Amino acid sequence: MKCKISARRKWQTRLTTTGCVEQGRGGIQQNTKNQCLHFVPPSFEIGHKRSNLKKYITGAHEYVRKKPCDRREIQIVNASAGNAEHAEHARDAGDPQAKDISAMMSFPNYETIDIEDIRNILPHRYPFLLVDKVIHVQASRKIIGIKQVSVNENFFNGHFPEKPIMPGVLQIEALAQLGGILCLKNEENRKENNVFLFAGVDGVRWKKPVRPGDTLVMESELISFKPSLGVAKLRGIAYVDGTVVIKIDEMTFAMPK
């Protein structure tokens, strides 16, 4: 059966998706108010930072191609937490935050890197290893990882005892470690007992505090990398519940010879 697929004119999203939606990822949810179905794409970026409704519509068509929906309308809605328009519909479909988190953790067609492999790539160890898992790698271009911020982090003991906030410099460090994984995941780029060192950071802006219990979703994107010289430049951005908490225009790393 054919399904009518429409997109709201006021569609807005902080983060967009390419591959997942095109391959029919995301989910179909029923709204009991108007008996339509909602196609909810994953809520954070794996591609360009702009709304691209054609890709969402392609994804919705692909999803329902083999799943008849009784001719009910499918509306494309924003999956980002905190969006008022989406929240109204999400109340009928389940907990939007739980949905966002589950979307973050599941990318069956993309390369992931678990903590053991991260430890094989980076020399950092507890309490200074700040990447728990890599959930998407776009070779030689982009990497997305997560850091579960626990109340047991040792830095909360002094920053601050009565109002715990993750230090901004550690947010920079977490994005830097993620960028290091992207550059060093290929063994030919790694040298024994060698590490990337910070050479500079420009255009850092903090937007919102990161607190215990937050899931920090981080993205580092490669600007340039010259393995022969051991120099790399990346940009970084991180989110909590779909909201930007830190943005870095440029990080520069150097590998000592």
Protein backbone atom coordinates (compact mmCIF):
# COMPACT_ATOMS: atom_id res chain seq x y z
CA MET A 1 0.00 0.00 0.00
CA LYS A 2 1.12 3.54 -0.65
CA CYS A 3 1.59 6.02 2.16
CA LYS A 4 1.41 9.78 1.99
CA ILE A 5 4.57 11.35 3.36
CA SER A 6 4.65 15.01 4.32
CA ALA A 7 7.16 17.33 5.99
CA ARG A 8 6.18 20.18 8.27
CA ARG A 9 7.04 23.64 6.92
CA LYS A 10 8.44 24.67 10.29
CA TRP A 11 10.82 21.71 10.37
CA GLN A 12 13.93 22.61 12.33
CA THR A 13 16.73 20.48 13.63
CA ARG A 14 20.03 21.16 15.34
CA LEU A 15 21.58 18.06 13.81
CA THR A 16 20.89 16.16 10.67
CA THR A 17 21.43 12.66 9.44
CA THR A 18 22.43 11.21 6.07
CA GLY A 19 23.21 7.50 5.95
CA CYS A 20 20.92 6.25 8.69
CA VAL A 21 17.77 7.78 7.28
CA GLU A 22 18.59 6.87 3.70
CA GLN A 23 18.90 3.27 4.80
CA GLY A 24 15.55 3.40 6.56
CA ARG A 25 16.85 3.81 10.09
CA GLY A 26 14.88 5.82 12.57
CA GLY A 27 11.41 4.75 13.58
CA ILE A 28 7.71 4.89 12.78
CA GLN A 29 5.52 6.05 15.63
CA GLN A 30 1.73 6.31 15.74
CA ASN A 31 0.07 9.49 16.99
CA THR A 32 -3.28 8.82 18.58
CA LYS A 33 -4.53 12.39 18.16
CA ASN A 34 -4.68 12.52 14.38
CA GLN A 35 -4.13 8.84 13.52
CA CYS A 36 -1.07 9.62 11.42
CA LEU A 37 2.33 7.95 11.62
CA HIS A 38 5.52 9.81 12.50
CA PHE A 39 8.85 8.98 10.90
CA VAL A 40 11.42 10.01 13.53
CA PRO A 41 14.98 10.10 12.17
CA PRO A 42 17.97 9.72 14.51
CA SER A 43 18.60 12.99 16.30
CA PHE A 44 22.28 13.71 15.83
CA GLU A 45 24.65 14.32 13.00
CA ILE A 46 26.44 11.91 10.73
CA GLY A 47 26.63 14.34 7.82
CA HIS A 48 26.18 17.98 6.89
CA LYS A 49 24.82 20.44 9.46
CA ARG A 50 21.61 21.36 7.70
CA SER A 51 18.08 20.10 7.40
CA ASN A 52 17.75 17.92 4.33
CA LEU A 53 14.13 16.87 4.00
CA LYS A 54 14.74 14.96 0.79
CA LYS A 55 16.94 12.53 2.68
CA TYR A 56 14.35 12.17 5.44
CA ILE A 57 11.59 11.54 2.90
CA THR A 58 13.82 9.01 1.14
CA GLY A 59 14.36 7.29 4.45
CA ALA A 60 10.65 7.25 5.27
CA HIS A 61 9.79 5.81 1.86
CA GLU A 62 12.46 3.15 2.28
CA TYR A 63 11.17 2.29 5.74
CA VAL A 64 7.55 1.84 4.72
CA ARG A 65 8.22 0.29 1.32
CA LYS A 66 7.91 -3.18 2.82
CA LYS A 67 5.67 -2.19 5.72
CA PRO A 68 2.10 -1.20 4.71
CA CYS A 69 0.58 1.47 6.92
CA ASP A 70 -3.09 1.40 5.89
CA ARG A 71 -2.80 4.59 3.82
CA ARG A 72 -2.30 6.75 6.88
CA GLU A 73 -0.21 9.86 6.53
CA ILE A 74 3.40 9.83 7.61
CA GLN A 75 4.73 13.09 9.02
CA ILE A 76 8.42 13.76 9.49
CA VAL A 77 9.06 15.19 12.95
CA ASN A 78 12.07 16.45 14.84
CA ALA A 79 13.72 13.88 17.07
CA SER A 80 15.89 16.38 18.95
CA ALA A 81 15.19 16.59 22.66
CA GLY A 82 13.80 19.94 23.79
CA ASN A 83 11.89 20.74 20.59
CA ALA A 84 8.42 21.82 21.68
CA GLU A 85 6.68 20.77 18.48
CA HIS A 86 8.14 17.28 18.67
CA ALA A 87 7.51 16.97 22.40
CA GLU A 88 3.77 17.36 21.88
CA HIS A 89 3.70 14.34 19.57
CA ALA A 90 6.31 12.36 21.49
CA ARG A 91 4.09 12.22 24.56
CA ASP A 92 1.88 9.83 22.64
CA ALA A 93 4.82 7.79 21.39
CA GLY A 94 6.98 7.25 24.47
CA ASP A 95 9.85 8.92 26.26
CA PRO A 96 11.70 11.12 23.71
CA GLN A 97 14.93 11.12 25.72
CA ALA A 98 15.04 7.34 25.88
CA LYS A 99 14.46 7.26 22.12
CA ASP A 100 17.32 9.68 21.49
CA ILE A 101 19.72 7.68 23.64
CA SER A 102 18.77 4.42 21.95
CA ALA A 103 19.36 6.08 18.57
CA MET A 104 22.83 7.14 19.69
CA MET A 105 23.81 3.66 20.75
CA SER A 106 22.69 1.72 17.68
CA PHE A 107 24.39 2.00 14.29
CA PRO A 108 24.44 -1.54 12.91
CA ASN A 109 25.92 -0.54 9.54
CA TYR A 110 28.67 1.71 10.85
CA GLU A 111 32.06 0.98 12.36
CA THR A 112 32.20 1.23 16.15
CA ILE A 113 35.13 1.08 18.55
CA ASP A 114 34.72 -0.27 22.08
CA ILE A 115 36.72 0.69 25.15
CA GLU A 116 39.26 -2.13 24.77
CA ASP A 117 40.14 -1.06 21.24
CA ILE A 118 40.25 2.58 22.35
CA ARG A 119 42.83 1.59 24.98
CA ASN A 120 44.88 -0.06 22.23
CA ILE A 121 44.85 3.17 20.21
CA LEU A 122 45.30 5.80 22.95
CA PRO A 123 47.85 5.72 25.77
CA HIS A 124 45.45 7.44 28.19
CA ARG A 125 44.16 5.52 31.19
CA TYR A 126 41.76 6.11 34.07
CA PRO A 127 41.06 8.72 35.30
CA PHE A 128 42.13 10.59 32.17
CA LEU A 129 40.63 8.42 29.43
CA LEU A 130 37.57 10.47 28.46
CA VAL A 131 36.05 8.49 25.57
CA ASP A 132 33.88 5.51 26.54
CA LYS A 133 32.86 4.33 23.08
CA VAL A 134 33.04 5.34 19.43
CA ILE A 135 29.69 4.89 17.70
CA HIS A 136 30.51 6.09 14.19
CA VAL A 137 33.65 6.47 12.10
CA GLN A 138 33.77 8.08 8.69
CA ALA A 139 37.27 7.17 7.57
CA SER A 140 39.73 10.07 7.34
CA ARG A 141 36.95 12.55 7.91
CA LYS A 142 34.77 12.32 11.01
CA ILE A 143 34.24 10.40 14.24
CA ILE A 144 31.43 10.38 16.82
CA GLY A 145 31.90 9.12 20.35
CA ILE A 146 30.29 9.25 23.76
CA LYS A 147 31.37 9.96 27.30
CA GLN A 148 29.01 8.95 30.11
CA VAL A 149 29.60 11.59 32.77
CA SER A 150 29.32 9.82 36.12
CA VAL A 151 28.90 11.45 39.53
CA ASN A 152 31.92 9.35 40.55
CA GLU A 153 34.32 11.25 38.26
CA ASN A 154 37.24 12.32 40.43
CA PHE A 155 37.24 15.91 39.15
CA PHE A 156 33.81 16.52 40.70
CA ASN A 157 35.40 16.31 44.16
CA GLY A 158 36.82 19.79 43.68
CA HIS A 159 34.88 21.21 40.71
CA PHE A 160 32.64 21.91 42.55
CA PRO A 161 31.66 19.95 45.68
CA GLU A 162 28.26 21.64 46.03
CA LYS A 163 27.65 22.21 42.31
CA PRO A 164 29.47 19.58 40.22
CA ILE A 165 30.31 20.70 36.68
CA MET A 166 32.64 18.97 34.22
CA PRO A 167 35.65 21.29 33.72
CA GLY A 168 35.69 22.93 30.31
CA VAL A 169 39.31 21.99 29.69
CA LEU A 170 38.38 18.32 30.12
CA GLN A 171 35.64 18.72 27.51
CA ILE A 172 38.35 19.98 25.15
CA GLU A 173 40.54 17.03 26.14
CA ALA A 174 37.71 14.57 25.45
CA LEU A 175 37.22 15.98 21.95
CA ALA A 176 40.98 15.89 21.42
CA GLN A 177 41.15 12.23 22.44
CA LEU A 178 38.32 11.47 20.04
CA GLY A 179 40.24 13.22 17.26
CA GLY A 180 43.33 11.22 18.20
CA ILE A 181 41.39 7.99 17.73
CA LEU A 182 40.36 9.13 14.24
CA CYS A 183 43.95 9.91 13.25
CA LEU A 184 45.61 6.91 14.91
CA LYS A 185 43.07 4.14 14.33
CA ASN A 186 45.03 3.03 11.27
CA GLU A 187 48.13 1.22 12.47
CA GLU A 188 50.32 2.74 9.76
CA ASN A 189 49.75 6.16 11.38
CA ARG A 190 50.83 4.92 14.82
CA LYS A 191 54.35 4.66 16.12
CA GLU A 192 55.31 2.67 19.18
CA ASN A 193 55.25 4.73 22.40
CA ASN A 194 54.24 7.86 20.47
CA VAL A 195 51.31 10.15 21.14
CA PHE A 196 49.67 13.26 19.77
CA LEU A 197 50.33 16.39 21.83
CA PHE A 198 48.29 19.58 21.84
CA ALA A 199 49.94 22.31 19.76
CA GLY A 200 47.07 24.80 19.83
CA VAL A 201 43.34 25.36 20.13
CA ASP A 202 41.30 28.23 18.68
CA GLY A 203 37.70 29.38 18.80
CA VAL A 204 36.49 27.54 21.90
CA ARG A 205 32.97 28.38 23.06
CA TRP A 206 31.11 26.77 25.95
CA LYS A 207 27.35 26.93 25.69
CA LYS A 208 26.02 24.95 28.64
CA PRO A 209 27.42 23.20 31.75
CA VAL A 210 27.96 19.44 31.65
CA ARG A 211 26.77 17.78 34.85
CA PRO A 212 26.78 14.31 36.45
CA GLY A 213 24.45 11.93 34.63
CA ASP A 214 24.84 13.66 31.25
CA THR A 215 25.71 11.70 28.11
CA LEU A 216 28.25 13.76 26.20
CA VAL A 217 27.90 13.06 22.47
CA MET A 218 31.07 14.28 20.78
CA GLU A 219 32.06 14.79 17.18
CA SER A 220 35.54 15.53 15.85
CA GLU A 221 36.00 16.34 12.18
CA LEU A 222 39.32 16.26 10.38
CA ILE A 223 40.43 19.49 8.72
CA SER A 224 43.86 18.25 7.65
CA PHE A 225 46.28 15.47 8.57
CA LYS A 226 49.84 14.99 7.38
CA PRO A 227 51.06 11.68 8.82
CA SER A 228 54.59 12.19 7.46
CA LEU A 229 54.89 15.41 9.49
CA GLY A 230 52.83 14.16 12.40
CA VAL A 231 50.55 17.22 12.34
CA ALA A 232 46.75 17.21 12.39
CA LYS A 233 44.03 19.86 12.56
CA LEU A 234 40.46 19.08 13.62
CA ARG A 235 37.30 20.85 14.66
CA GLY A 236 35.04 19.60 17.42
CA ILE A 237 31.55 19.90 18.82
CA ALA A 238 29.69 18.14 21.64
CA TYR A 239 26.06 17.83 22.67
CA VAL A 240 23.98 16.87 25.68
CA ASP A 241 20.35 15.94 24.91
CA GLY A 242 20.67 17.49 21.44
CA THR A 243 21.93 20.85 22.76
CA VAL A 244 25.42 22.14 21.94
CA VAL A 245 27.56 22.36 25.08
CA ILE A 246 30.95 23.10 23.51
CA LYS A 247 32.21 24.04 20.06
CA ILE A 248 35.83 24.25 18.90
CA ASP A 249 36.79 25.85 15.60
CA GLU A 250 40.24 24.29 15.41
CA MET A 251 42.47 21.94 17.40
CA THR A 252 46.08 21.39 16.33
CA PHE A 253 48.03 18.27 17.29
CA ALA A 254 51.65 17.33 16.78
CA MET A 255 53.31 13.94 17.10
CA PRO A 256 56.84 14.22 18.52
CA LYS A 257 59.50 12.54 16.43
